[in-house]
Protein backbone atom coordinates (compact mmCIF):
# COMPACT_ATOMS: atom_id res chain seq x y z
CA UNK A 1 10.67 -19.48 14.81
CA UNK A 2 7.71 -18.70 12.53
CA UNK A 3 9.43 -20.38 9.58
CA UNK A 4 10.09 -23.51 11.63
CA UNK A 5 6.49 -23.58 12.85
CA UNK A 6 5.19 -23.30 9.28
CA UNK A 7 7.40 -26.22 8.30
CA UNK A 8 6.69 -28.38 11.36
CA UNK A 9 2.92 -27.84 11.54
CA UNK A 10 2.48 -27.89 7.73
CA UNK A 11 0.68 -24.54 7.78
CA UNK A 12 -1.41 -23.92 4.65
CA UNK A 13 -3.18 -20.63 5.41
CA UNK A 14 -2.13 -17.47 7.28
CA UNK A 15 -2.75 -13.76 7.56
CA UNK A 16 -0.22 -11.04 8.37
CA UNK A 17 1.00 -7.53 7.59
CA UNK A 18 3.68 -6.92 4.90
CA UNK A 19 6.33 -6.32 7.57
CA UNK A 20 6.10 -9.94 8.75
CA UNK A 21 6.46 -11.37 5.23
CA UNK A 22 9.47 -9.09 4.69
CA UNK A 23 11.08 -10.33 7.91
CA UNK A 24 10.56 -13.97 6.89
CA UNK A 25 11.97 -13.46 3.40
CA UNK A 26 15.04 -11.72 4.83
CA UNK A 27 15.72 -14.42 7.43
CA UNK A 28 18.77 -16.62 6.91
CA UNK A 29 16.64 -19.76 7.41
CA UNK A 30 14.41 -19.03 4.41
CA UNK A 31 16.50 -21.13 2.02
CA UNK A 32 16.01 -24.24 4.13
CA UNK A 33 12.20 -24.05 4.35
CA UNK A 34 9.80 -25.12 1.59
CA UNK A 35 6.92 -22.61 1.53
CA UNK A 36 5.29 -23.93 -1.64
CA UNK A 37 1.51 -23.86 -1.35
CA UNK A 38 1.41 -21.61 1.70
CA UNK A 39 -1.51 -19.20 1.18
CA UNK A 40 -1.19 -15.81 2.88
CA UNK A 41 -3.67 -12.94 3.00
CA UNK A 42 -1.97 -9.58 3.49
CA UNK A 43 -3.73 -6.80 5.41
CA UNK A 44 -2.92 -3.81 7.57
CA UNK A 45 -1.15 -1.86 4.84
CA UNK A 46 -0.56 -1.97 1.09
CA UNK A 47 1.27 -4.96 -0.41
CA UNK A 48 4.21 -3.67 -2.51
CA UNK A 49 4.65 -5.38 -5.88
CA UNK A 50 8.35 -6.02 -5.22
CA UNK A 51 7.53 -7.91 -2.02
CA UNK A 52 4.76 -9.88 -3.73
CA UNK A 53 7.15 -10.94 -6.49
CA UNK A 54 9.70 -12.21 -3.96
CA UNK A 55 7.04 -14.20 -2.12
CA UNK A 56 5.70 -15.78 -5.31
CA UNK A 57 9.21 -16.90 -6.22
CA UNK A 58 9.26 -18.79 -2.90
CA UNK A 59 6.01 -20.53 -3.81
CA UNK A 60 3.86 -18.46 -1.43
CA UNK A 61 0.32 -17.83 -2.71
CA UNK A 62 0.17 -14.20 -1.60
CA UNK A 63 -2.62 -11.67 -2.10
CA UNK A 64 -4.16 -8.61 -0.43
CA UNK A 65 -7.33 -8.02 1.52
CA UNK A 66 -8.81 -4.75 2.72
CA UNK A 67 -10.84 -3.42 5.60
CA UNK A 68 -10.59 -1.26 8.69
CA UNK A 69 -11.55 -1.41 12.35
CA UNK A 70 -14.88 0.24 11.56
CA UNK A 71 -15.70 -2.47 8.99
CA UNK A 72 -15.11 -5.37 11.40
CA UNK A 73 -12.87 -5.80 9.30
CA UNK A 74 -13.22 -7.40 5.86
CA UNK A 75 -14.48 -5.55 2.75
CA UNK A 76 -12.53 -6.89 -0.23
CA UNK A 77 -10.06 -9.62 -1.23
CA UNK A 78 -7.63 -9.65 -4.16
CA UNK A 79 -7.41 -13.32 -4.96
CA UNK A 80 -7.07 -13.67 -8.76
CA UNK A 81 -9.95 -14.94 -10.90
CA UNK A 82 -9.30 -18.36 -12.52
CA UNK A 83 -8.48 -16.92 -15.96
CA UNK A 84 -5.92 -14.55 -14.39
CA UNK A 85 -3.78 -17.48 -13.18
CA UNK A 86 -2.67 -17.91 -16.80
CA UNK A 87 -1.47 -14.31 -17.06
CA UNK A 88 2.19 -13.35 -17.13
CA UNK A 89 3.73 -12.78 -13.72
CA UNK A 90 3.87 -8.97 -13.84
CA UNK A 91 0.19 -8.61 -14.76
CA UNK A 92 -0.90 -11.14 -12.14
CA UNK A 93 1.13 -9.41 -9.42
CA UNK A 94 -0.73 -6.16 -10.12
CA UNK A 95 -4.00 -7.99 -9.37
CA UNK A 96 -2.68 -9.62 -6.19
CA UNK A 97 -1.48 -6.22 -4.92
CA UNK A 98 -4.75 -4.47 -5.69
CA UNK A 99 -7.29 -3.96 -2.93
CA UNK A 100 -9.59 -6.62 -4.37
CA UNK A 101 -13.20 -7.47 -5.12
CA UNK A 102 -15.94 -6.75 -2.57
CA UNK A 103 -16.84 -9.89 -0.63
CA UNK A 104 -20.51 -11.02 -0.51
CA UNK A 105 -22.93 -8.55 1.15
CA UNK A 106 -20.59 -5.59 0.68
CA UNK A 107 -21.82 -2.71 -1.50
CA UNK A 108 -18.97 -0.43 -2.53
CA UNK A 109 -18.96 2.86 -4.42
CA UNK A 110 -16.42 5.48 -5.46
CA UNK A 111 -17.79 8.97 -4.89
CA UNK A 112 -16.87 12.60 -5.43
CA UNK A 113 -16.29 15.03 -2.56
CA UNK A 114 -20.01 15.92 -2.67
CA UNK A 115 -21.12 12.26 -2.57
CA UNK A 116 -21.93 11.63 -6.24
CA UNK A 117 -21.06 8.10 -7.49
CA UNK A 118 -18.32 7.78 -10.11
CA UNK A 119 -18.03 5.22 -12.95
CA UNK A 120 -16.12 2.06 -12.06
CA UNK A 121 -14.02 2.15 -15.19
CA UNK A 122 -10.44 2.21 -13.88
CA UNK A 123 -10.09 5.92 -14.58
CA UNK A 124 -12.29 7.83 -12.15
CA UNK A 125 -10.83 8.22 -8.65
CA UNK A 126 -12.70 9.24 -5.52
CA UNK A 127 -13.40 8.32 -1.90
CA UNK A 128 -14.34 4.71 -1.14
CA UNK A 129 -17.72 4.38 0.63
CA UNK A 130 -19.38 1.12 1.67
CA UNK A 131 -22.48 -0.55 3.09
CA UNK A 132 -22.65 -3.97 4.76
CA UNK A 133 -24.59 -5.62 7.62
CA UNK A 134 -21.55 -5.80 9.91
CA UNK A 135 -20.25 -2.23 9.80
CA UNK A 136 -19.76 0.00 12.84
CA UNK A 137 -22.85 2.11 13.47
CA UNK A 138 -21.24 4.86 15.55
CA UNK A 139 -18.35 5.99 17.70
CA UNK A 140 -18.88 5.79 21.46
CA UNK A 141 -20.00 9.20 22.78
CA UNK A 142 -18.80 10.97 19.59
CA UNK A 143 -21.95 11.95 17.72
CA UNK A 144 -20.27 14.38 15.30
CA UNK A 145 -17.70 11.81 14.18
CA UNK A 146 -20.47 9.24 13.84
CA UNK A 147 -22.49 11.54 11.58
CA UNK A 148 -19.42 12.21 9.43
CA UNK A 149 -18.69 8.48 9.25
CA UNK A 150 -22.16 7.78 7.85
CA UNK A 151 -22.73 10.91 5.74
CA UNK A 152 -25.32 10.29 2.99
CA UNK A 153 -26.04 6.80 4.36
CA UNK A 154 -22.67 5.29 3.40
CA UNK A 155 -19.72 4.53 5.65
CA UNK A 156 -16.86 6.81 4.58
CA UNK A 157 -13.53 4.97 4.69
CA UNK A 158 -11.28 7.98 4.21
CA UNK A 159 -9.49 6.04 1.46
CA UNK A 160 -9.09 7.25 -2.12
CA UNK A 161 -9.21 4.81 -5.03
CA UNK A 162 -10.82 3.50 -8.21
CA UNK A 163 -12.42 0.26 -9.45
CA UNK A 164 -11.03 -1.35 -12.62
CA UNK A 165 -13.14 -3.03 -15.35
CA UNK A 166 -12.58 -6.45 -13.72
CA UNK A 167 -14.22 -5.15 -10.54
CA UNK A 168 -11.05 -4.87 -8.42
CA UNK A 169 -10.71 -1.90 -6.09
CA UNK A 170 -7.37 -0.09 -6.12
CA UNK A 171 -6.64 2.16 -3.14
CA UNK A 172 -4.33 4.94 -4.28
CA UNK A 173 -3.98 6.61 -0.88
CA UNK A 174 -5.52 7.68 2.38
CA UNK A 175 -7.12 11.10 2.11
CA UNK A 176 -4.70 12.28 4.81
CA UNK A 177 -1.64 10.78 3.05
CA UNK A 178 -2.15 12.10 -0.50
CA UNK A 179 0.67 14.50 -1.39
CA UNK A 180 -0.22 17.78 -3.10
CA UNK A 181 2.69 19.42 -4.90
CA UNK A 182 2.23 22.55 -6.98
CA UNK A 183 -1.52 21.95 -7.00
CA UNK A 184 -1.19 18.38 -8.34
CA UNK A 185 -2.01 15.21 -6.38
CA UNK A 186 0.56 12.42 -6.03
CA UNK A 187 -0.14 8.98 -4.57
CA UNK A 188 2.32 8.02 -1.84
CA UNK A 189 1.32 4.35 -2.26
CA UNK A 190 2.21 4.41 -5.96
CA UNK A 191 5.64 5.90 -5.20
CA UNK A 192 6.20 3.25 -2.49
CA UNK A 193 5.21 0.52 -4.90
CA UNK A 194 7.71 1.74 -7.50
CA UNK A 195 10.69 1.94 -5.16
CA UNK A 196 9.84 -1.47 -3.68
CA UNK A 197 10.64 -2.97 -7.08
CA UNK A 198 14.30 -1.90 -6.82
CA UNK A 199 16.38 -4.99 -6.13
CA UNK A 200 18.23 -3.37 -3.22
CA UNK A 201 15.17 -2.11 -1.31
CA UNK A 202 13.89 -4.03 1.69
CA UNK A 203 11.05 -1.66 2.63
CA UNK A 204 10.07 1.94 1.98
CA UNK A 205 7.63 4.70 2.88
CA UNK A 206 6.79 7.95 1.10
CA UNK A 207 5.44 10.98 2.94
CA UNK A 208 4.68 14.58 2.07
CA UNK A 209 6.83 17.26 3.68
CA UNK A 210 6.57 21.05 3.53
CA UNK A 211 8.30 22.86 0.67
CA UNK A 212 8.50 26.65 0.28
CA UNK A 213 8.17 26.60 -3.53
CA UNK A 214 5.70 23.78 -4.18
CA UNK A 215 3.78 23.68 -0.88
CA UNK A 216 4.56 20.00 -0.43
CA UNK A 217 6.97 17.49 -1.95
CA UNK A 218 7.27 13.71 -1.64
CA UNK A 219 10.07 12.34 0.54
CA UNK A 220 11.02 8.66 0.17
CA UNK A 221 12.45 6.81 3.16
CA UNK A 222 14.20 3.58 2.18
CA UNK A 223 15.60 0.66 4.16
CA UNK A 224 18.10 -1.33 2.11
CA UNK A 225 18.69 -5.07 2.19
CA UNK A 226 21.68 -5.94 4.42
CA UNK A 227 23.96 -6.91 1.52
CA UNK A 228 23.21 -3.69 -0.41
CA UNK A 229 23.88 -1.00 2.17
CA UNK A 230 27.20 0.13 0.67
CA UNK A 231 26.21 -0.37 -2.96
CA UNK A 232 23.27 1.98 -3.50
CA UNK A 233 23.10 5.78 -3.38
CA UNK A 234 20.29 8.30 -3.22
CA UNK A 235 20.95 9.26 -6.84
CA UNK A 236 20.76 5.63 -7.90
CA UNK A 237 17.35 5.29 -6.26
CA UNK A 238 16.16 8.50 -7.91
CA UNK A 239 17.31 7.10 -11.24
CA UNK A 240 15.02 4.12 -10.61
CA UNK A 241 12.08 6.52 -10.37
CA UNK A 242 13.18 8.25 -13.58
CA UNK A 243 12.71 4.97 -15.47
CA UNK A 244 9.01 5.12 -14.62
CA UNK A 245 8.88 8.78 -15.70
CA UNK A 246 10.39 7.78 -19.07
CA UNK A 247 7.68 5.11 -19.46
CA UNK A 248 4.97 7.68 -18.74
CA UNK A 249 3.83 5.84 -15.60
CA UNK A 250 4.40 8.79 -13.25
CA UNK A 251 4.88 12.51 -13.94
CA UNK A 252 8.30 14.12 -13.56
CA UNK A 253 7.11 16.06 -10.51
CA UNK A 254 6.22 12.71 -8.90
CA UNK A 255 9.88 11.83 -8.36
CA UNK A 256 10.63 12.42 -4.66
CA UNK A 257 12.66 15.52 -3.89
CA UNK A 258 14.84 13.37 -1.62
CA UNK A 259 15.33 9.65 -1.17
CA UNK A 260 16.77 9.09 2.30
CA UNK A 261 18.42 5.80 3.14
CA UNK A 262 17.50 5.02 6.75
CA UNK A 263 18.08 2.17 9.19
CA UNK A 264 14.40 1.63 10.01
CA UNK A 265 10.90 3.00 9.52
CA UNK A 266 8.58 4.11 12.30
CA UNK A 267 5.82 1.56 12.86
CA UNK A 268 2.78 1.17 15.06
CA UNK A 269 2.47 -1.56 17.70
CA UNK A 270 0.93 -3.91 15.11
CA UNK A 271 3.61 -3.39 12.47
CA UNK A 272 1.94 -0.79 10.26
CA UNK A 273 3.93 2.12 8.85
CA UNK A 274 3.46 5.09 11.18
CA UNK A 275 3.38 7.96 8.71
CA UNK A 276 2.19 10.44 11.30
CA UNK A 277 5.38 9.84 13.27
CA UNK A 278 7.49 9.98 10.09
CA UNK A 279 5.98 13.34 9.11
CA UNK A 280 6.87 14.71 12.54
CA UNK A 281 10.38 13.27 12.32
CA UNK A 282 11.20 14.52 8.82
CA UNK A 283 8.98 17.60 8.52
CA UNK A 284 11.88 19.99 7.77
CA UNK A 285 13.84 17.91 5.24
CA UNK A 286 12.62 19.84 2.18
CA UNK A 287 11.68 23.11 3.85
CA UNK A 288 14.58 24.90 2.16
CA UNK A 289 12.83 24.56 -1.21
CA UNK A 290 15.54 22.37 -2.71
CA UNK A 291 13.21 19.40 -3.45
């Protein structure tokens, strides 16, 4: 129905979560609808590079934006700068899937755990803090949470990331979703982005689960495309991760201990991945220390 409405009403601009774009691209009617020139801003959760690539092939001008309920909501947008439109596809996709450049009137910093600002050089990672005229001032009847939200005079997003030399913010994880294995931090978003680039993967989520030896290990949950369900194994998906290890893009310990092929992923009422529910559902998968 959405595809037909886009075609009939000649829609040029939309906003949605990645789940909706994935549903449209997987629909049987997609081949009969011309989506060239349709501009879509993705919010709600991270835009995987594999999904972005599929959308661009359909002529959809797709890019990310970032914010949260407390920021009412917009902070940044990842539309490419004019000179970037001449870049090769892979490099341009990385920009479109970043968190973006702060919009006017938004001040954004990356800070250490004790509030000290970090260089915006693409290498230093810390918590994202912001200031803007339209941000939430406090939580209703929750003074302690309000004080924590605005510690040191900046709104604390709870997101971890870095800013590259072009000025684009890259969120690497939520503070509550970062996976710590053997004392080393692993970004669940980076692992999701990698597996999304496998041709058989429809959508994926990576969570941390308890492990007796390492404290915590990443677990990848993967939904396959309908025509690939009998053609891909867990070992084949792990081998996909190993390619990125060989290229030096992720450490060996970053490869998930398990890659489970599942029918669906838990989501919230607005289509976001519900990692809290997933952690409850799969908390014992690696508890035997085999990860």
